[in-house]
Amino acid sequence: MKETINPTECAIIELVQQKTSNELSRRVPCIDVLDYRRLAYLLIETRRAAYKASGIPHTLISVLHEFNVQKCDTYYEWRLKWFRLLPEHIKRHVR
C-alpha cells in the first residue's frame, strides 16, 4: 500500500509553508520553533473538543489511535505540560 498524506496533513503543510515563506520575505524573519509533541497534543485536544461539541461520542483511546499515539502515559505527560496552553474554547470541551 502506498502511503499518501491526507487533506488535513496537506492543509497543515500548506499553512506552515505559507507562514514560513511570508516570514522569509521580511527583512528580519521570525521563524517559529515547532515542538512536534506539543503540536500533536494540541491537535489531539482540538479533535477531541470538536467531537464533544458535535455530540459525537469518541473515547480518548480512539482519538489517540487517530494520531497513532499508542501509549496513554505519553498523552497524560503531554497534558500535564501543555493543557494550560489550549485556547479556552477547546479547554471547555476537554476538561
N, C-alpha and C. Protein backbone atom coordinates (compact mmCIF):
# COMPACT_ATOMS: atom_id res chain seq x y z
N MET A 1 0.83 -1.18 0.00
CA MET A 1 0.00 0.00 0.00
C MET A 1 0.89 1.25 0.00
N LYS A 2 0.60 2.14 -0.88
CA LYS A 2 1.36 3.38 -0.98
C LYS A 2 0.77 4.41 -0.02
N GLU A 3 1.62 4.97 0.84
CA GLU A 3 1.15 5.98 1.78
C GLU A 3 1.09 7.34 1.11
N THR A 4 0.05 8.07 1.43
CA THR A 4 -0.08 9.45 0.95
C THR A 4 -0.48 10.31 2.13
N ILE A 5 -0.38 11.61 1.98
CA ILE A 5 -0.82 12.49 3.05
C ILE A 5 -2.32 12.75 2.86
N ASN A 6 -3.00 12.95 3.98
CA ASN A 6 -4.44 13.19 3.90
C ASN A 6 -4.71 14.70 3.80
N PRO A 7 -5.96 15.09 3.55
CA PRO A 7 -6.27 16.51 3.38
C PRO A 7 -5.93 17.38 4.59
N THR A 8 -6.07 16.85 5.80
CA THR A 8 -5.73 17.63 6.99
C THR A 8 -4.23 17.88 7.05
N GLU A 9 -3.45 16.83 6.80
CA GLU A 9 -1.99 16.99 6.79
C GLU A 9 -1.57 17.96 5.69
N CYS A 10 -2.21 17.86 4.55
CA CYS A 10 -1.90 18.77 3.44
C CYS A 10 -2.20 20.22 3.83
N ALA A 11 -3.32 20.45 4.50
CA ALA A 11 -3.67 21.81 4.93
C ALA A 11 -2.66 22.36 5.91
N ILE A 12 -2.21 21.51 6.84
CA ILE A 12 -1.20 21.95 7.81
C ILE A 12 0.10 22.28 7.11
N ILE A 13 0.51 21.44 6.18
CA ILE A 13 1.74 21.68 5.41
C ILE A 13 1.65 23.00 4.66
N GLU A 14 0.52 23.23 4.01
CA GLU A 14 0.34 24.47 3.24
C GLU A 14 0.39 25.70 4.15
N LEU A 15 -0.24 25.60 5.31
CA LEU A 15 -0.24 26.72 6.26
C LEU A 15 1.18 27.01 6.74
N VAL A 16 1.92 25.98 7.10
CA VAL A 16 3.30 26.17 7.58
C VAL A 16 4.17 26.73 6.46
N GLN A 17 3.99 26.23 5.25
CA GLN A 17 4.79 26.71 4.12
C GLN A 17 4.49 28.18 3.85
N GLN A 18 3.21 28.55 3.87
CA GLN A 18 2.82 29.93 3.62
C GLN A 18 3.36 30.87 4.71
N LYS A 19 3.21 30.46 5.96
CA LYS A 19 3.70 31.30 7.07
C LYS A 19 5.22 31.45 7.01
N THR A 20 5.91 30.35 6.73
CA THR A 20 7.37 30.40 6.65
C THR A 20 7.82 31.28 5.49
N SER A 21 7.17 31.12 4.34
CA SER A 21 7.52 31.96 3.18
C SER A 21 7.28 33.44 3.47
N ASN A 22 6.17 33.74 4.13
CA ASN A 22 5.88 35.14 4.49
C ASN A 22 6.96 35.70 5.40
N GLU A 23 7.37 34.91 6.37
CA GLU A 23 8.41 35.37 7.29
C GLU A 23 9.74 35.56 6.56
N LEU A 24 10.07 34.64 5.65
CA LEU A 24 11.34 34.74 4.93
C LEU A 24 11.39 35.95 4.01
N SER A 25 10.25 36.48 3.64
CA SER A 25 10.23 37.66 2.77
C SER A 25 10.44 38.95 3.57
N ARG A 26 10.41 38.85 4.88
CA ARG A 26 10.63 40.02 5.73
C ARG A 26 12.12 40.29 5.89
N ARG A 27 12.43 41.51 6.21
CA ARG A 27 13.83 41.89 6.41
C ARG A 27 14.45 41.11 7.58
N VAL A 28 13.68 40.96 8.66
CA VAL A 28 14.13 40.20 9.81
C VAL A 28 13.08 39.10 10.06
N PRO A 29 13.30 37.94 9.48
CA PRO A 29 12.30 36.87 9.62
C PRO A 29 12.24 36.32 11.04
N CYS A 30 11.09 35.87 11.41
CA CYS A 30 10.88 35.24 12.71
C CYS A 30 10.20 33.89 12.46
N ILE A 31 11.01 32.85 12.37
CA ILE A 31 10.51 31.52 12.08
C ILE A 31 10.21 30.81 13.40
N ASP A 32 8.97 30.38 13.56
CA ASP A 32 8.56 29.70 14.79
C ASP A 32 9.27 28.36 14.95
N VAL A 33 9.68 28.08 16.18
CA VAL A 33 10.20 26.76 16.52
C VAL A 33 8.98 25.89 16.80
N LEU A 34 8.92 24.71 16.20
CA LEU A 34 7.77 23.82 16.39
C LEU A 34 8.19 22.59 17.18
N ASP A 35 7.46 22.32 18.24
CA ASP A 35 7.67 21.11 19.02
C ASP A 35 6.62 20.11 18.54
N TYR A 36 7.04 19.07 17.86
CA TYR A 36 6.08 18.15 17.24
C TYR A 36 5.23 17.43 18.29
N ARG A 37 5.75 17.21 19.46
CA ARG A 37 4.96 16.57 20.51
C ARG A 37 3.85 17.51 20.99
N ARG A 38 4.23 18.76 21.24
CA ARG A 38 3.24 19.74 21.68
C ARG A 38 2.19 19.95 20.59
N LEU A 39 2.63 20.04 19.36
CA LEU A 39 1.69 20.20 18.26
C LEU A 39 0.74 19.01 18.18
N ALA A 40 1.26 17.80 18.33
CA ALA A 40 0.40 16.60 18.33
C ALA A 40 -0.62 16.69 19.46
N TYR A 41 -0.18 17.06 20.65
CA TYR A 41 -1.10 17.17 21.78
C TYR A 41 -2.20 18.20 21.50
N LEU A 42 -1.82 19.37 21.01
CA LEU A 42 -2.80 20.42 20.74
C LEU A 42 -3.80 19.98 19.67
N LEU A 43 -3.33 19.25 18.67
CA LEU A 43 -4.23 18.74 17.63
C LEU A 43 -5.16 17.66 18.18
N ILE A 44 -4.64 16.79 19.03
CA ILE A 44 -5.46 15.76 19.66
C ILE A 44 -6.59 16.41 20.46
N GLU A 45 -6.24 17.39 21.27
CA GLU A 45 -7.26 18.04 22.09
C GLU A 45 -8.26 18.82 21.24
N THR A 46 -7.79 19.41 20.17
CA THR A 46 -8.69 20.13 19.27
C THR A 46 -9.69 19.16 18.65
N ARG A 47 -9.21 18.00 18.24
CA ARG A 47 -10.11 17.00 17.66
C ARG A 47 -11.09 16.47 18.70
N ARG A 48 -10.61 16.20 19.92
CA ARG A 48 -11.50 15.74 20.99
C ARG A 48 -12.58 16.77 21.26
N ALA A 49 -12.21 18.04 21.30
CA ALA A 49 -13.18 19.11 21.56
C ALA A 49 -14.22 19.18 20.44
N ALA A 50 -13.78 19.01 19.21
CA ALA A 50 -14.71 19.05 18.08
C ALA A 50 -15.71 17.89 18.16
N TYR A 51 -15.23 16.70 18.52
CA TYR A 51 -16.14 15.57 18.69
C TYR A 51 -17.16 15.86 19.78
N LYS A 52 -16.69 16.34 20.91
CA LYS A 52 -17.60 16.61 22.04
C LYS A 52 -18.59 17.71 21.70
N ALA A 53 -18.12 18.77 21.06
CA ALA A 53 -19.00 19.88 20.69
C ALA A 53 -20.08 19.43 19.71
N SER A 54 -19.74 18.46 18.88
CA SER A 54 -20.70 17.94 17.90
C SER A 54 -21.59 16.85 18.47
N GLY A 55 -21.33 16.45 19.71
CA GLY A 55 -22.12 15.39 20.33
C GLY A 55 -21.81 14.00 19.80
N ILE A 56 -20.66 13.86 19.17
CA ILE A 56 -20.24 12.57 18.63
C ILE A 56 -19.36 11.89 19.67
N PRO A 57 -19.82 10.75 20.20
CA PRO A 57 -19.02 10.08 21.24
C PRO A 57 -17.75 9.46 20.67
N HIS A 58 -16.65 9.78 21.30
CA HIS A 58 -15.35 9.19 20.95
C HIS A 58 -14.55 9.04 22.23
N THR A 59 -13.94 7.90 22.40
CA THR A 59 -13.11 7.71 23.58
C THR A 59 -11.76 8.36 23.36
N LEU A 60 -11.08 8.63 24.45
CA LEU A 60 -9.72 9.16 24.35
C LEU A 60 -8.85 8.20 23.56
N ILE A 61 -8.99 6.90 23.82
CA ILE A 61 -8.17 5.90 23.13
C ILE A 61 -8.40 5.95 21.62
N SER A 62 -9.65 6.11 21.20
CA SER A 62 -9.92 6.15 19.75
C SER A 62 -9.30 7.38 19.10
N VAL A 63 -9.33 8.51 19.80
CA VAL A 63 -8.71 9.72 19.25
C VAL A 63 -7.19 9.56 19.22
N LEU A 64 -6.61 8.99 20.26
CA LEU A 64 -5.16 8.75 20.26
C LEU A 64 -4.77 7.85 19.10
N HIS A 65 -5.58 6.86 18.79
CA HIS A 65 -5.28 5.97 17.66
C HIS A 65 -5.35 6.73 16.33
N GLU A 66 -6.23 7.71 16.24
CA GLU A 66 -6.30 8.53 15.02
C GLU A 66 -4.98 9.27 14.79
N PHE A 67 -4.25 9.53 15.86
CA PHE A 67 -2.98 10.24 15.77
C PHE A 67 -1.78 9.29 15.91
N ASN A 68 -2.06 8.01 15.93
CA ASN A 68 -1.03 6.98 16.04
C ASN A 68 -0.22 7.13 17.33
N VAL A 69 -0.90 7.54 18.40
CA VAL A 69 -0.29 7.60 19.72
C VAL A 69 -0.74 6.34 20.45
N GLN A 70 0.20 5.49 20.78
CA GLN A 70 -0.14 4.18 21.32
C GLN A 70 -0.24 4.15 22.84
N LYS A 71 0.46 5.03 23.51
CA LYS A 71 0.53 4.96 24.97
C LYS A 71 -0.25 6.11 25.61
N CYS A 72 -1.17 5.76 26.48
CA CYS A 72 -1.90 6.80 27.22
C CYS A 72 -0.96 7.56 28.13
N ASP A 73 0.08 6.89 28.64
CA ASP A 73 1.05 7.58 29.50
C ASP A 73 1.64 8.79 28.79
N THR A 74 1.96 8.61 27.52
CA THR A 74 2.52 9.70 26.71
C THR A 74 1.54 10.87 26.68
N TYR A 75 0.27 10.57 26.40
CA TYR A 75 -0.75 11.61 26.34
C TYR A 75 -0.85 12.34 27.67
N TYR A 76 -0.88 11.61 28.78
CA TYR A 76 -1.03 12.25 30.09
C TYR A 76 0.18 13.10 30.45
N GLU A 77 1.37 12.69 30.05
CA GLU A 77 2.56 13.53 30.25
C GLU A 77 2.42 14.83 29.47
N TRP A 78 1.97 14.71 28.22
CA TRP A 78 1.76 15.90 27.40
C TRP A 78 0.71 16.81 28.02
N ARG A 79 -0.37 16.22 28.51
CA ARG A 79 -1.46 17.00 29.09
C ARG A 79 -0.97 17.80 30.30
N LEU A 80 -0.16 17.18 31.14
CA LEU A 80 0.39 17.89 32.29
C LEU A 80 1.22 19.09 31.87
N LYS A 81 1.95 18.96 30.77
CA LYS A 81 2.82 20.04 30.30
C LYS A 81 2.05 21.15 29.59
N TRP A 82 1.08 20.77 28.75
CA TRP A 82 0.57 21.74 27.78
C TRP A 82 -0.92 22.05 27.84
N PHE A 83 -1.67 21.45 28.75
CA PHE A 83 -3.10 21.75 28.82
C PHE A 83 -3.35 23.24 28.99
N ARG A 84 -2.53 23.90 29.80
CA ARG A 84 -2.70 25.33 30.07
C ARG A 84 -2.58 26.19 28.82
N LEU A 85 -1.95 25.67 27.76
CA LEU A 85 -1.75 26.43 26.53
C LEU A 85 -2.96 26.41 25.60
N LEU A 86 -3.89 25.50 25.85
CA LEU A 86 -5.06 25.39 24.98
C LEU A 86 -5.93 26.63 25.06
N PRO A 87 -6.52 27.03 23.95
CA PRO A 87 -7.49 28.12 23.99
C PRO A 87 -8.69 27.72 24.86
N GLU A 88 -9.32 28.69 25.49
CA GLU A 88 -10.43 28.41 26.40
C GLU A 88 -11.56 27.64 25.74
N HIS A 89 -11.87 27.94 24.48
CA HIS A 89 -12.99 27.25 23.82
C HIS A 89 -12.68 25.76 23.59
N ILE A 90 -11.42 25.39 23.59
CA ILE A 90 -11.04 23.97 23.48
C ILE A 90 -11.06 23.35 24.88
N LYS A 91 -10.48 24.05 25.86
CA LYS A 91 -10.45 23.56 27.23
C LYS A 91 -11.85 23.22 27.74
N ARG A 92 -12.80 24.05 27.37
CA ARG A 92 -14.17 23.89 27.84
C ARG A 92 -14.71 22.49 27.50
N HIS A 93 -14.29 21.95 26.38
CA HIS A 93 -14.81 20.65 25.93
C HIS A 93 -13.99 19.46 26.39
N VAL A 94 -12.74 19.68 26.78
CA VAL A 94 -11.87 18.54 27.10
C VAL A 94 -11.46 18.48 28.57
N ARG A 95 -12.09 19.20 29.41
CA ARG A 95 -11.75 19.18 30.84
C ARG A 95 -11.87 17.81 31.42
